[in-house]
Every structure is written in structure tokens, then in C-alpha cells.
């Protein structure tokens, strides 16, 4: 991982066409502006992790006993 220090209004360039600029610094928050081509997806990491977690939960293997209990409940 490359670690850089940037001041307000300074930027970095990723590849040939992605610019990340420090737009603001307030309290413990840094605001970044990202200029990238429209076909480049920019997604916050915590959202990706949440989707991964939900996908793992959706893949939960149901035990046979749970299916039997559910079947009994549905028959009532």
C-alpha cells in the first residue's frame, strides 16, 4: 500500500485519468473529490463489505431439523 500525505487542494493521479483531490479537512474527516471516467466504479469500501456480509448470510446452509420445524409451522 502506498501512503501519501496531501494538504488541502492537493491531489494525486491514478493511472492516466483518475484524479483524487483533497477538497476539505474538518475535525477528523477528510473530504475527497474523485474525477474519473464514467465507466470506473467508485464505491465506498464499507458498502462492499456490507454486501459481502449479506451474501454470506444468504448462503447460510439450513439444517435438516430447521427445515422440519419450518414445515410443521407452515402446516398449521
Protein backbone atom coordinates (compact mmCIF):
# COMPACT_ATOMS: atom_id res chain seq x y z
CA UNK A 1 0.00 0.00 0.00
CA UNK A 2 1.28 3.41 -0.95
CA UNK A 3 0.75 6.02 1.77
CA UNK A 4 0.83 9.71 0.80
CA UNK A 5 0.33 12.94 2.67
CA UNK A 6 -1.68 15.65 0.93
CA UNK A 7 -2.73 19.11 2.03
CA UNK A 8 -5.97 20.90 1.22
CA UNK A 9 -6.41 21.34 -2.57
CA UNK A 10 -3.57 18.94 -3.36
CA UNK A 11 -4.26 15.87 -5.45
CA UNK A 12 -2.87 12.60 -6.73
CA UNK A 13 -3.26 10.99 -10.14
CA UNK A 14 -4.00 7.29 -10.52
CA UNK A 15 -3.17 5.90 -13.93
CA UNK A 16 -3.76 8.36 -16.73
CA UNK A 17 -7.26 9.51 -15.94
CA UNK A 18 -8.22 9.33 -12.25
CA UNK A 19 -7.59 12.34 -10.03
CA UNK A 20 -8.18 12.30 -6.28
CA UNK A 21 -8.17 15.74 -4.68
CA UNK A 22 -8.40 16.80 -1.02
CA UNK A 23 -11.45 19.07 -1.04
CA UNK A 24 -11.78 19.71 2.68
CA UNK A 25 -10.50 18.79 6.13
CA UNK A 26 -12.88 19.19 9.05
CA UNK A 27 -12.45 17.68 12.53
CA UNK A 28 -11.28 14.11 11.86
CA UNK A 29 -12.83 13.93 8.38
CA UNK A 30 -11.17 14.39 5.02
CA UNK A 31 -13.36 15.20 2.00
CA UNK A 32 -12.07 13.79 -1.24
CA UNK A 33 -13.09 14.70 -4.75
CA UNK A 34 -12.63 11.97 -7.34
CA UNK A 35 -12.53 12.74 -11.05
CA UNK A 36 -12.70 9.51 -13.03
CA UNK A 37 -14.20 8.24 -16.29
CA UNK A 38 -17.86 7.28 -16.06
CA UNK A 39 -17.07 3.60 -16.62
CA UNK A 40 -14.93 3.45 -13.45
CA UNK A 41 -16.98 2.26 -10.46
CA UNK A 42 -16.32 4.22 -7.27
CA UNK A 43 -17.85 2.52 -4.24
CA UNK A 44 -17.20 3.04 -0.53
CA UNK A 45 -15.45 0.00 0.95
CA UNK A 46 -17.93 -0.32 3.84
CA UNK A 47 -20.76 -0.79 1.31
CA UNK A 48 -18.85 -3.55 -0.46
CA UNK A 49 -18.21 -5.26 2.88
CA UNK A 50 -21.89 -4.99 3.82
CA UNK A 51 -22.96 -6.61 0.54
CA UNK A 52 -20.40 -9.39 1.03
CA UNK A 53 -21.73 -9.99 4.55
CA UNK A 54 -25.32 -10.11 3.29
CA UNK A 55 -24.32 -12.52 0.53
CA UNK A 56 -22.64 -14.80 3.07
CA UNK A 57 -25.77 -14.70 5.25
CA UNK A 58 -27.94 -15.55 2.23
CA UNK A 59 -25.80 -18.63 1.60
CA UNK A 60 -26.43 -19.91 5.13
CA UNK A 61 -26.89 -23.68 4.94
CA UNK A 62 -30.14 -24.68 6.58
CA UNK A 63 -30.03 -27.71 8.85
CA UNK A 64 -32.49 -30.55 8.23
CA UNK A 65 -34.03 -30.01 11.68
CA UNK A 66 -34.71 -26.35 10.83
CA UNK A 67 -36.50 -27.42 7.65
CA UNK A 68 -38.64 -29.89 9.59
CA UNK A 69 -39.61 -27.21 12.12
CA UNK A 70 -40.46 -24.77 9.33
CA UNK A 71 -42.52 -27.43 7.58
CA UNK A 72 -44.50 -28.06 10.78
CA UNK A 73 -45.15 -24.35 11.22
CA UNK A 74 -46.37 -23.98 7.65
CA UNK A 75 -48.77 -26.89 8.01
CA UNK A 76 -50.55 -25.24 10.98
